Amino acid sequence: MTAKLVQGYEVVIGFETHTQLSTQSKIFSRASVAFGAEPNTQACAVDMALPGTLPVMNEGAVQRAIEFGLAINAHIAERSVFARKNYFYPDLPKGYQISQFEIPVVQGGEVSFFMEEGQETVRKTVRLERAHLEEDAGKSLHEDSALGGGGQSGIDLNRAGTPLLEIVTQPDMRSSDEAVAYAKELHKIVTWIGICDGNMQEGSFRCDANVSVRKPGAELGTRREIKNLNSFKFMQQAIDYEVRWQIDQIEDGHTIQQATVLFDPDTGETRAMRTKEDAADYRYFPDPDLPPLVIGRDWVERVKSEMAELPRVMAERFVRDYALPEYDATQLTQSKAVAAYFEATAKACGQPKLASNWIMGEVSRRLNTSEMAIEQAPVSAAQLAALIGRISDNTISNNAARQVFDHLWQPKIAELVVSDSLEDVTAGVIALAALKQIDDIIEAKGLKQMNDTGELEKIIDDVLAAHPKNVEEFKAGNTKALNGLVGPIMKASKGKANPGQVNALLMKKLG
């Protein structure tokens, strides 16, 4: 598919994502990585490379790297090495960063996701170049001085040595929409397998976007790296601004200089931070204190056997076992909680496609409006399944079902949400209780669909007699005239007539 052009230019985007691994201690020391501690209370001698200290590899960090490699179908190197990356940051206590350069632990792999393009749903795939283990730097804190004009800066070394997995893509993305969709899918993967908590506000999942533009068919343009994007909203705004800025510079006859830039959410602009370094500028050399990291195939196989079902594998199972479209299956596996809610609903009602439609439609819409997670939904899976069951057996119409759902969504109605989790309540009891609750609401609101053929035929006969013109037009070949009959029938039945039954009886009576 042809890439979308912006002012005649093709946008090229690659990502580097720093994923903080969910270990309890740092990558080369036993210091804690707990968030929110008092500044400089969680940096030990090893983190600062004080004389006489030696780094020791955190096995948990390696295990999480293996899990990620398996999740994206990558090659996991049996032997990888650590290097010292030399550069100056005021909050880099060693004066260098321990990272992987020549041989990363995870090599290749891909991340696939769906996007809406016009009227089509398109599957996109972004190739990954590598994912390597490294330590984080500390953090500079800048505050206004309480005394006089200037400001004050401080260094908090708590974050120094925190284990990171840096995930690097090929330059495969061609718009900010694609970039955000990729970032969301990657976020889903790392949180699903539990290697990262995904908290963007706390810096656990930080994205750097390498952005360049070129004329179609030309060589890659000079890229500028937008650092530390910590929200999907800012990510899109930053990339869109940077694309426009680069195009304007080129159109005005200027040359793009490789640089690292920051995005300012207040102004909506990017600004240069420093000239971008290349690998040679960092003077990488093998870390003399760390031996090569050796990962045996038996370790990889053991990790693979212990991993939970991956989202892409679960999506494939939903397509196979529940006959869902691939798009539905992918959307329902955006999180473990949503997938579990769907499976519980589908199994209870026996109508997986209807369950998918309701969860992707009515349930998702209300969750988004209320800014709630599905675990907080006032309607349990058992209740939704019972509601779908009453649609399937023609007890109520879709419109009536929405009225029942409205009633259920009120917090005071949702007694069964809590009982779903009680171990001493069986699934059968929950299902029966949910069904009784649905039936009680239908009865109280008078929503039961009219399925008495005799009563419905009498209403249809009365409407046909009252609308002879519509009958004549329909018999003359004007099929739209049927709509003029269905409306009065539904009104006469107070909306309780079964639309399918109405159409069938009408067609029969009209020959």
Protein backbone atom coordinates (compact mmCIF):
# COMPACT_ATOMS: atom_id res chain seq x y z
CA MET A 1 0.00 0.00 0.00
CA THR A 2 1.33 3.44 -0.92
CA ALA A 3 2.49 5.50 2.04
CA LYS A 4 0.48 8.61 2.81
CA LEU A 5 2.36 11.76 1.72
CA VAL A 6 2.55 15.03 3.66
CA GLN A 7 2.98 18.02 1.34
CA GLY A 8 4.57 15.69 -1.21
CA TYR A 9 6.99 14.15 1.31
CA GLU A 10 7.12 10.64 2.73
CA VAL A 11 7.48 10.42 6.52
CA VAL A 12 9.90 7.85 7.91
CA ILE A 13 9.81 6.95 11.62
CA GLY A 14 11.78 4.53 13.76
CA PHE A 15 11.42 3.98 17.51
CA GLU A 16 13.70 3.34 20.46
CA THR A 17 11.75 2.41 23.57
CA HIS A 18 13.27 2.20 27.04
CA THR A 19 11.29 -0.39 28.96
CA GLN A 20 11.99 -0.54 32.69
CA LEU A 21 12.06 -4.19 33.71
CA SER A 22 9.91 -5.32 36.63
CA THR A 23 12.70 -6.60 38.86
CA GLN A 24 12.91 -5.78 42.56
CA SER A 25 16.57 -4.75 42.37
CA LYS A 26 18.88 -3.03 39.91
CA ILE A 27 20.54 -4.66 36.95
CA PHE A 28 24.04 -4.93 38.46
CA SER A 29 23.42 -4.43 42.20
CA ARG A 30 20.99 -5.32 44.97
CA ALA A 31 19.77 -1.76 45.44
CA SER A 32 15.98 -1.34 45.30
CA VAL A 33 14.17 0.07 42.27
CA ALA A 34 11.00 1.05 44.19
CA PHE A 35 9.48 4.25 42.79
CA GLY A 36 8.96 7.34 44.96
CA ALA A 37 11.74 6.89 47.55
CA GLU A 38 13.52 9.91 48.99
CA PRO A 39 16.23 11.17 46.60
CA ASN A 40 19.58 9.39 46.76
CA THR A 41 18.43 6.70 49.19
CA GLN A 42 18.55 3.84 46.66
CA ALA A 43 21.94 4.28 45.01
CA CYS A 44 24.67 1.98 46.31
CA ALA A 45 28.43 1.86 45.75
CA VAL A 46 28.08 -0.54 42.80
CA ASP A 47 25.68 1.83 41.00
CA MET A 48 28.30 4.57 41.24
CA ALA A 49 31.25 2.28 40.33
CA LEU A 50 33.19 3.22 43.46
CA PRO A 51 36.64 1.64 43.74
CA GLY A 52 36.57 -1.99 44.84
CA THR A 53 33.05 -2.70 43.52
CA LEU A 54 32.07 -5.07 40.73
CA PRO A 55 28.76 -5.34 38.84
CA VAL A 56 26.86 -8.64 39.04
CA MET A 57 24.22 -9.48 36.43
CA ASN A 58 20.60 -9.63 37.65
CA GLU A 59 19.21 -12.99 36.50
CA GLY A 60 15.64 -11.65 36.62
CA ALA A 61 16.49 -8.98 34.05
CA VAL A 62 17.88 -11.62 31.68
CA GLN A 63 14.77 -13.77 32.12
CA ARG A 64 12.56 -10.83 31.19
CA ALA A 65 14.63 -10.17 28.08
CA ILE A 66 14.15 -13.83 27.09
CA GLU A 67 10.39 -13.51 27.62
CA PHE A 68 10.25 -10.46 25.38
CA GLY A 69 12.25 -12.19 22.66
CA LEU A 70 9.86 -15.13 22.72
CA ALA A 71 6.84 -12.80 22.62
CA ILE A 72 7.98 -11.13 19.38
CA ASN A 73 9.39 -14.25 17.63
CA ALA A 74 12.96 -12.95 17.82
CA HIS A 75 16.30 -14.74 17.97
CA ILE A 76 17.68 -14.91 21.50
CA ALA A 77 21.46 -14.80 21.36
CA GLU A 78 23.17 -17.69 23.11
CA ARG A 79 26.09 -15.35 23.77
CA SER A 80 25.85 -11.56 24.12
CA VAL A 81 28.26 -9.03 25.57
CA PHE A 82 28.18 -5.82 27.58
CA ALA A 83 30.03 -2.65 26.68
CA ARG A 84 30.78 0.67 28.29
CA LYS A 85 29.11 3.55 26.51
CA ASN A 86 31.06 6.69 27.32
CA TYR A 87 29.33 10.06 27.41
CA PHE A 88 28.82 12.86 29.89
CA TYR A 89 25.58 13.40 31.76
CA PRO A 90 25.59 15.18 35.13
CA ASP A 91 23.31 12.40 36.42
CA LEU A 92 25.46 9.53 35.10
CA PRO A 93 27.53 8.73 38.21
CA LYS A 94 30.03 6.36 36.53
CA GLY A 95 30.79 8.60 33.59
CA TYR A 96 29.72 5.72 31.36
CA GLN A 97 26.69 3.50 30.90
CA ILE A 98 26.83 -0.29 30.81
CA SER A 99 24.88 -1.37 27.74
CA GLN A 100 24.99 -3.89 24.90
CA PHE A 101 26.29 -2.80 21.51
CA GLU A 102 27.79 -5.30 19.07
CA ILE A 103 25.88 -8.41 20.19
CA PRO A 104 22.46 -7.68 21.77
CA VAL A 105 20.56 -10.34 23.68
CA VAL A 106 17.42 -10.10 21.46
CA GLN A 107 17.85 -9.89 17.69
CA GLY A 108 15.11 -9.28 15.10
CA GLY A 109 11.44 -9.99 15.72
CA GLU A 110 8.35 -8.02 14.76
CA VAL A 111 5.27 -6.31 16.17
CA SER A 112 1.96 -6.46 14.25
CA PHE A 113 -1.21 -4.43 14.81
CA PHE A 114 -4.39 -3.31 13.01
CA MET A 115 -5.21 0.20 11.82
CA GLU A 116 -8.21 1.85 10.24
CA GLU A 117 -7.37 3.33 6.82
CA GLY A 118 -10.43 4.86 5.23
CA GLN A 119 -13.06 2.13 5.09
CA GLU A 120 -10.49 -0.64 5.49
CA THR A 121 -8.93 -2.35 8.48
CA VAL A 122 -5.28 -2.92 7.60
CA ARG A 123 -2.71 -5.11 9.31
CA LYS A 124 0.67 -3.42 9.80
CA THR A 125 3.95 -5.00 10.83
CA VAL A 126 6.98 -3.19 12.24
CA ARG A 127 10.29 -5.06 12.15
CA LEU A 128 12.47 -4.88 15.22
CA GLU A 129 16.22 -4.55 14.83
CA ARG A 130 17.17 -5.50 18.39
CA ALA A 131 16.43 -5.31 22.08
CA HIS A 132 19.37 -4.95 24.43
CA LEU A 133 19.87 -4.84 28.18
CA GLU A 134 21.34 -1.74 29.82
CA GLU A 135 21.26 0.35 32.98
CA ASP A 136 19.43 3.64 33.41
CA ALA A 137 21.05 6.93 34.40
CA GLY A 138 20.02 9.07 37.36
CA LYS A 139 17.72 12.05 37.14
CA SER A 140 18.39 15.80 37.15
CA LEU A 141 15.91 17.84 39.17
CA HIS A 142 15.44 21.51 38.31
CA GLU A 143 13.58 23.76 40.74
CA ASP A 144 13.08 27.51 41.11
CA SER A 145 15.29 28.95 43.80
CA ALA A 146 13.56 30.24 46.88
CA LEU A 147 16.23 32.92 47.10
CA GLY A 148 16.55 35.52 44.39
CA GLY A 149 16.63 35.13 40.65
CA GLY A 150 18.31 31.88 39.54
CA GLY A 151 17.14 28.30 39.76
CA GLN A 152 18.61 25.30 41.50
CA SER A 153 19.46 21.89 40.11
CA GLY A 154 19.96 18.66 41.99
CA ILE A 155 20.83 15.08 41.12
CA ASP A 156 18.78 12.08 42.26
CA LEU A 157 20.70 8.83 41.69
CA ASN A 158 17.91 6.49 42.77
CA ARG A 159 17.21 5.54 39.16
CA ALA A 160 20.88 4.94 38.30
CA GLY A 161 21.36 1.25 37.55
CA THR A 162 17.66 0.50 37.01
CA PRO A 163 17.37 -2.37 34.49
CA LEU A 164 16.19 -1.36 31.03
CA LEU A 165 15.42 -3.26 27.86
CA GLU A 166 15.92 -0.87 24.96
CA ILE A 167 13.76 -1.96 22.01
CA VAL A 168 14.85 -0.61 18.61
CA THR A 169 12.77 -0.81 15.42
CA GLN A 170 13.61 -0.58 11.75
CA PRO A 171 12.41 2.73 10.15
CA ASP A 172 9.14 1.07 9.07
CA MET A 173 6.49 3.57 10.19
CA ARG A 174 5.11 6.15 7.79
CA SER A 175 2.83 8.35 9.91
CA SER A 176 2.24 9.47 13.48
CA ASP A 177 -0.88 7.26 13.52
CA GLU A 178 1.25 4.21 12.71
CA ALA A 179 3.84 5.20 15.30
CA VAL A 180 1.24 5.55 18.06
CA ALA A 181 -0.43 2.26 17.06
CA TYR A 182 2.96 0.52 17.23
CA ALA A 183 3.76 2.06 20.63
CA LYS A 184 0.39 0.97 22.02
CA GLU A 185 0.88 -2.58 20.75
CA LEU A 186 4.39 -2.74 22.22
CA HIS A 187 3.03 -1.37 25.51
CA LYS A 188 0.40 -4.11 25.47
CA ILE A 189 3.00 -6.83 24.91
CA VAL A 190 5.40 -5.81 27.69
CA THR A 191 2.61 -5.35 30.24
CA TRP A 192 0.80 -8.55 29.16
CA ILE A 193 3.88 -10.72 29.75
CA GLY A 194 4.64 -8.82 32.95
CA ILE A 195 8.17 -7.61 32.20
CA CYS A 196 7.19 -3.94 32.70
CA ASP A 197 4.42 -2.14 34.57
CA GLY A 198 4.01 0.24 31.59
CA ASN A 199 3.62 3.34 33.76
CA MET A 200 4.51 6.13 31.35
CA GLN A 201 4.11 8.92 33.92
CA GLU A 202 6.72 7.29 36.17
CA GLY A 203 9.09 6.71 33.24
CA SER A 204 8.72 2.92 33.05
CA PHE A 205 7.91 3.07 29.33
CA ARG A 206 9.69 5.90 27.50
CA CYS A 207 9.73 6.27 23.74
CA ASP A 208 12.20 8.10 21.50
CA ALA A 209 11.00 8.74 17.94
CA ASN A 210 13.52 9.10 15.09
CA VAL A 211 11.77 11.22 12.47
CA SER A 212 12.86 12.15 8.95
CA VAL A 213 11.18 13.09 5.67
CA ARG A 214 12.09 12.43 2.03
CA LYS A 215 10.69 12.67 -1.44
CA PRO A 216 9.12 9.34 -2.51
CA GLY A 217 11.81 6.95 -3.73
CA ALA A 218 14.69 9.05 -2.42
CA GLU A 219 17.27 7.91 0.12
CA LEU A 220 16.44 8.25 3.82
CA GLY A 221 16.55 11.82 5.04
CA THR A 222 18.48 13.12 8.04
CA ARG A 223 16.67 12.12 11.21
CA ARG A 224 16.02 14.03 14.40
CA GLU A 225 15.36 12.09 17.59
CA ILE A 226 12.49 13.24 19.83
CA LYS A 227 13.43 12.10 23.34
CA ASN A 228 11.39 10.78 26.26
CA LEU A 229 7.83 10.81 24.94
CA ASN A 230 5.79 9.64 27.92
CA SER A 231 2.22 9.74 26.61
CA PHE A 232 0.58 8.56 23.39
CA LYS A 233 -1.10 11.95 22.97
CA PHE A 234 2.17 13.89 23.19
CA MET A 235 3.82 11.29 20.95
CA GLN A 236 1.42 12.06 18.12
CA GLN A 237 1.62 15.82 18.63
CA ALA A 238 5.42 15.79 18.73
CA ILE A 239 5.81 13.72 15.57
CA ASP A 240 3.27 15.79 13.64
CA TYR A 241 5.00 19.03 14.64
CA GLU A 242 8.46 17.66 13.80
CA VAL A 243 7.30 16.49 10.36
CA ARG A 244 5.87 19.92 9.53
CA TRP A 245 9.00 21.65 10.85
CA GLN A 246 11.35 19.50 8.77
CA ILE A 247 9.31 19.98 5.60
CA ASP A 248 9.20 23.75 6.13
CA GLN A 249 12.99 23.82 6.65
CA ILE A 250 13.64 21.87 3.45
CA GLU A 251 11.17 23.96 1.43
CA ASP A 252 12.94 27.12 2.67
CA GLY A 253 16.24 25.77 1.39
CA HIS A 254 17.74 24.72 4.72
CA THR A 255 19.50 21.43 5.49
CA ILE A 256 18.28 19.23 8.34
CA GLN A 257 20.98 18.66 10.95
CA GLN A 258 20.95 15.42 12.93
CA ALA A 259 19.97 16.31 16.49
CA THR A 260 18.25 15.23 19.67
CA VAL A 261 15.16 17.31 20.42
CA LEU A 262 12.63 17.60 23.22
CA PHE A 263 8.88 18.14 22.92
CA ASP A 264 7.26 20.91 24.94
CA PRO A 265 3.57 20.03 25.57
CA ASP A 266 2.81 23.62 26.58
CA THR A 267 3.85 25.10 23.23
CA GLY A 268 3.29 21.97 21.11
CA GLU A 269 6.78 22.41 19.62
CA THR A 270 10.04 20.51 19.54
CA ARG A 271 13.31 22.25 20.42
CA ALA A 272 16.90 21.17 19.90
CA MET A 273 18.63 19.69 22.95
CA ARG A 274 22.00 18.68 21.50
CA THR A 275 23.66 17.58 18.29
CA LYS A 276 22.98 13.90 17.80
CA GLU A 277 25.93 11.61 18.44
CA ASP A 278 26.80 8.56 16.37
CA ALA A 279 28.03 5.25 17.80
CA ALA A 280 31.68 6.25 17.29
CA ASP A 281 31.20 9.28 19.54
CA TYR A 282 30.35 7.03 22.48
CA ARG A 283 33.69 5.13 22.30
CA TYR A 284 32.13 1.76 23.06
CA PHE A 285 34.47 -0.90 24.39
CA PRO A 286 33.80 -4.27 26.11
CA ASP A 287 33.16 -3.93 29.83
CA PRO A 288 36.12 -5.60 31.55
CA ASP A 289 34.14 -6.38 34.70
CA LEU A 290 31.36 -8.39 33.05
CA PRO A 291 31.84 -11.74 31.32
CA PRO A 292 29.77 -12.57 28.21
CA LEU A 293 26.11 -13.32 28.94
CA VAL A 294 25.51 -16.98 28.02
CA ILE A 295 21.91 -18.20 27.65
CA GLY A 296 21.48 -21.95 27.18
CA ARG A 297 18.64 -23.28 25.02
CA ASP A 298 17.33 -25.21 28.02
CA TRP A 299 16.82 -21.88 29.83
CA VAL A 300 14.93 -20.46 26.84
CA GLU A 301 12.74 -23.57 26.61
CA ARG A 302 12.00 -23.48 30.34
CA VAL A 303 10.97 -19.80 30.14
CA LYS A 304 8.82 -20.57 27.10
CA SER A 305 7.01 -23.40 28.90
CA GLU A 306 6.27 -21.17 31.91
CA MET A 307 4.98 -18.15 29.98
CA ALA A 308 1.28 -17.35 29.89
CA GLU A 309 -0.56 -17.48 26.57
CA LEU A 310 0.65 -14.58 24.44
CA PRO A 311 -1.84 -12.06 23.03
CA ARG A 312 -1.17 -13.03 19.39
CA VAL A 313 -1.56 -16.73 20.27
CA MET A 314 -4.76 -16.02 22.17
CA ALA A 315 -6.08 -13.97 19.23
CA GLU A 316 -5.40 -16.90 16.90
CA ARG A 317 -7.28 -19.18 19.30
CA PHE A 318 -10.25 -16.80 19.41
CA VAL A 319 -10.40 -16.91 15.60
CA ARG A 320 -10.14 -20.70 15.59
CA ASP A 321 -12.36 -21.61 18.56
CA TYR A 322 -14.93 -18.81 18.49
CA ALA A 323 -15.03 -18.13 14.72
CA LEU A 324 -14.29 -14.43 15.33
CA PRO A 325 -12.91 -12.13 12.64
CA GLU A 326 -9.19 -11.46 13.08
CA TYR A 327 -9.89 -7.80 13.87
CA ASP A 328 -12.27 -8.71 16.71
CA ALA A 329 -9.81 -11.20 18.15
CA THR A 330 -7.01 -8.62 18.15
CA GLN A 331 -9.15 -5.96 19.82
CA LEU A 332 -10.33 -8.39 22.51
CA THR A 333 -6.76 -9.30 23.40
CA GLN A 334 -5.66 -5.74 24.14
CA SER A 335 -5.42 -6.73 27.79
CA LYS A 336 -5.75 -9.91 29.82
CA ALA A 337 -8.74 -8.48 31.67
CA VAL A 338 -10.68 -7.74 28.45
CA ALA A 339 -9.83 -11.19 27.05
CA ALA A 340 -10.98 -12.90 30.25
CA TYR A 341 -14.22 -10.88 30.26
CA PHE A 342 -14.92 -11.90 26.67
CA GLU A 343 -14.20 -15.58 27.25
CA ALA A 344 -16.38 -15.71 30.34
CA THR A 345 -19.22 -14.00 28.45
CA ALA A 346 -18.88 -16.12 25.31
CA LYS A 347 -18.78 -19.41 27.19
CA ALA A 348 -21.79 -18.48 29.31
CA CYS A 349 -24.03 -17.30 26.46
CA GLY A 350 -22.77 -19.48 23.59
CA GLN A 351 -22.87 -16.48 21.24
CA PRO A 352 -19.22 -15.38 20.84
CA LYS A 353 -19.80 -12.92 17.97
CA LEU A 354 -22.63 -11.20 19.83
CA ALA A 355 -20.44 -11.09 22.94
CA SER A 356 -17.64 -9.54 20.89
CA ASN A 357 -19.98 -6.93 19.41
CA TRP A 358 -21.28 -5.89 22.81
CA ILE A 359 -17.84 -5.72 24.43
CA MET A 360 -16.23 -3.83 21.55
CA GLY A 361 -19.28 -1.57 21.25
CA GLU A 362 -21.49 -0.75 24.21
CA VAL A 363 -19.14 -1.90 26.98
CA SER A 364 -16.03 -0.20 25.54
CA ARG A 365 -17.91 3.03 24.81
CA ARG A 366 -19.10 3.32 28.38
CA LEU A 367 -15.73 2.40 29.87
CA ASN A 368 -14.04 5.08 27.77
CA THR A 369 -16.64 7.67 28.70
CA SER A 370 -16.30 6.84 32.40
CA GLU A 371 -12.50 6.44 32.16
CA MET A 372 -12.75 3.04 33.82
CA ALA A 373 -10.89 -0.24 33.34
CA ILE A 374 -12.97 -3.29 32.50
CA GLU A 375 -12.29 -4.66 35.99
CA GLN A 376 -14.41 -1.75 37.27
CA ALA A 377 -17.33 -2.35 34.90
CA PRO A 378 -20.67 -2.37 36.78
CA VAL A 379 -21.90 -5.14 34.44
CA SER A 380 -20.30 -8.52 35.07
CA ALA A 381 -19.59 -11.11 32.37
CA ALA A 382 -22.40 -13.25 33.79
CA GLN A 383 -24.90 -10.40 33.49
CA LEU A 384 -23.85 -9.56 29.93
CA ALA A 385 -24.09 -13.24 28.98
CA ALA A 386 -27.61 -13.46 30.41
CA LEU A 387 -28.61 -10.31 28.52
CA ILE A 388 -27.23 -11.69 25.25
CA GLY A 389 -29.08 -14.92 25.92
CA ARG A 390 -32.37 -13.05 26.11
CA ILE A 391 -31.61 -11.34 22.79
CA SER A 392 -30.81 -14.69 21.19
CA ASP A 393 -34.01 -16.38 22.32
CA ASN A 394 -36.07 -13.39 21.10
CA THR A 395 -37.26 -12.46 24.59
CA ILE A 396 -36.16 -8.86 23.97
CA SER A 397 -35.06 -6.79 21.00
CA ASN A 398 -31.64 -5.13 20.65
CA ASN A 399 -33.19 -1.79 21.53
CA ALA A 400 -34.77 -3.24 24.68
CA ALA A 401 -31.47 -4.88 25.56
CA ARG A 402 -29.78 -1.49 25.57
CA GLN A 403 -32.40 -0.25 28.03
CA VAL A 404 -31.66 -3.22 30.30
CA PHE A 405 -27.95 -2.53 29.94
CA ASP A 406 -28.53 1.12 30.91
CA HIS A 407 -30.21 -0.08 34.07
CA LEU A 408 -27.45 -2.58 34.85
CA TRP A 409 -24.69 -0.02 34.36
CA GLN A 410 -25.85 1.94 37.39
CA PRO A 411 -23.44 1.08 40.25
CA LYS A 412 -26.23 0.24 42.70
CA ILE A 413 -27.49 -2.49 40.39
CA ALA A 414 -24.18 -4.29 40.05
CA GLU A 415 -24.30 -6.64 43.05
CA LEU A 416 -23.00 -9.56 40.98
CA VAL A 417 -19.69 -7.92 40.09
CA VAL A 418 -18.41 -8.71 43.58
CA SER A 419 -19.94 -12.17 43.79
CA ASP A 420 -18.19 -13.24 40.57
CA SER A 421 -14.91 -13.37 42.45
CA LEU A 422 -16.12 -15.33 45.46
CA GLU A 423 -14.66 -18.82 45.50
CA ASP A 424 -17.67 -20.34 47.27
CA VAL A 425 -20.12 -19.25 44.56
CA THR A 426 -20.25 -21.63 41.61
CA ALA A 427 -20.49 -20.47 38.02
CA GLY A 428 -23.91 -22.07 37.71
CA VAL A 429 -25.32 -20.16 40.67
CA ILE A 430 -23.91 -16.90 39.31
CA ALA A 431 -25.43 -17.59 35.88
CA LEU A 432 -28.86 -18.32 37.36
CA ALA A 433 -28.72 -15.22 39.56
CA ALA A 434 -27.72 -13.07 36.59
CA LEU A 435 -30.52 -14.49 34.45
CA LYS A 436 -33.09 -13.86 37.18
CA GLN A 437 -31.86 -10.30 37.52
CA ILE A 438 -32.15 -9.71 33.77
CA ASP A 439 -35.64 -11.23 33.68
CA ASP A 440 -36.76 -9.10 36.63
CA ILE A 441 -35.60 -5.92 34.86
CA ILE A 442 -37.34 -6.96 31.61
CA GLU A 443 -40.55 -7.65 33.51
CA ALA A 444 -40.42 -4.47 35.57
CA LYS A 445 -39.85 -2.30 32.51
CA GLY A 446 -42.29 -4.17 30.29
CA LEU A 447 -39.68 -4.85 27.65
CA LYS A 448 -40.58 -8.42 26.76
CA GLN A 449 -40.82 -8.87 23.02
CA MET A 450 -44.21 -9.80 21.53
CA ASN A 451 -43.92 -13.30 20.10
CA ASP A 452 -47.64 -14.18 20.08
CA THR A 453 -48.31 -14.66 16.34
CA GLY A 454 -52.08 -14.24 16.73
CA GLU A 455 -51.81 -10.93 18.55
CA LEU A 456 -49.19 -9.67 16.12
CA GLU A 457 -51.25 -10.70 13.08
CA LYS A 458 -54.20 -8.69 14.37
CA ILE A 459 -52.01 -5.57 14.69
CA ILE A 460 -50.63 -6.11 11.17
CA ASP A 461 -54.13 -6.55 9.72
CA ASP A 462 -55.29 -3.30 11.36
CA VAL A 463 -52.23 -1.40 10.01
CA LEU A 464 -52.70 -2.81 6.48
CA ALA A 465 -56.34 -1.73 6.53
CA ALA A 466 -55.36 1.76 7.71
CA HIS A 467 -52.63 2.22 5.06
CA PRO A 468 -54.05 0.98 1.71
CA LYS A 469 -51.82 3.36 -0.26
CA ASN A 470 -48.64 1.79 1.09
CA VAL A 471 -50.02 -1.66 0.29
CA GLU A 472 -50.76 -0.66 -3.31
CA GLU A 473 -47.33 0.94 -3.78
CA PHE A 474 -45.55 -2.12 -2.42
CA LYS A 475 -47.50 -4.46 -4.68
CA ALA A 476 -46.65 -2.14 -7.59
CA GLY A 477 -42.95 -2.76 -6.90
CA ASN A 478 -42.00 0.06 -4.54
CA THR A 479 -40.23 -1.90 -1.78
CA LYS A 480 -39.61 1.27 0.26
CA ALA A 481 -43.35 1.43 0.92
CA LEU A 482 -42.83 -1.43 3.36
CA ASN A 483 -41.11 0.96 5.77
CA GLY A 484 -44.33 2.95 5.97
CA LEU A 485 -46.04 -0.17 7.32
CA VAL A 486 -43.35 -1.44 9.71
CA GLY A 487 -43.24 1.85 11.66
CA PRO A 488 -46.95 1.91 12.55
CA ILE A 489 -46.83 -1.81 13.46
CA MET A 490 -43.94 -1.28 15.88
CA LYS A 491 -45.72 1.75 17.33
CA ALA A 492 -48.95 -0.18 17.81
CA SER A 493 -47.04 -2.96 19.57
CA LYS A 494 -45.28 -0.38 21.77
CA GLY A 495 -41.97 -1.53 20.36
CA LYS A 496 -42.45 -5.08 21.58
CA ALA A 497 -42.99 -6.74 18.22
CA ASN A 498 -40.17 -8.93 16.92
CA PRO A 499 -38.87 -7.07 13.82
CA GLY A 500 -37.95 -10.29 12.03
CA GLN A 501 -41.37 -11.76 12.69
CA VAL A 502 -43.06 -8.53 11.58
CA ASN A 503 -41.24 -8.59 8.24
CA ALA A 504 -41.97 -12.27 7.68
CA LEU A 505 -45.72 -11.89 8.39
CA LEU A 506 -45.94 -8.71 6.31
CA MET A 507 -44.34 -10.39 3.30
CA LYS A 508 -46.67 -13.34 3.69
CA LYS A 509 -49.79 -11.18 3.86
CA LEU A 510 -48.65 -8.96 0.98
CA GLY A 511 -47.96 -11.96 -1.21
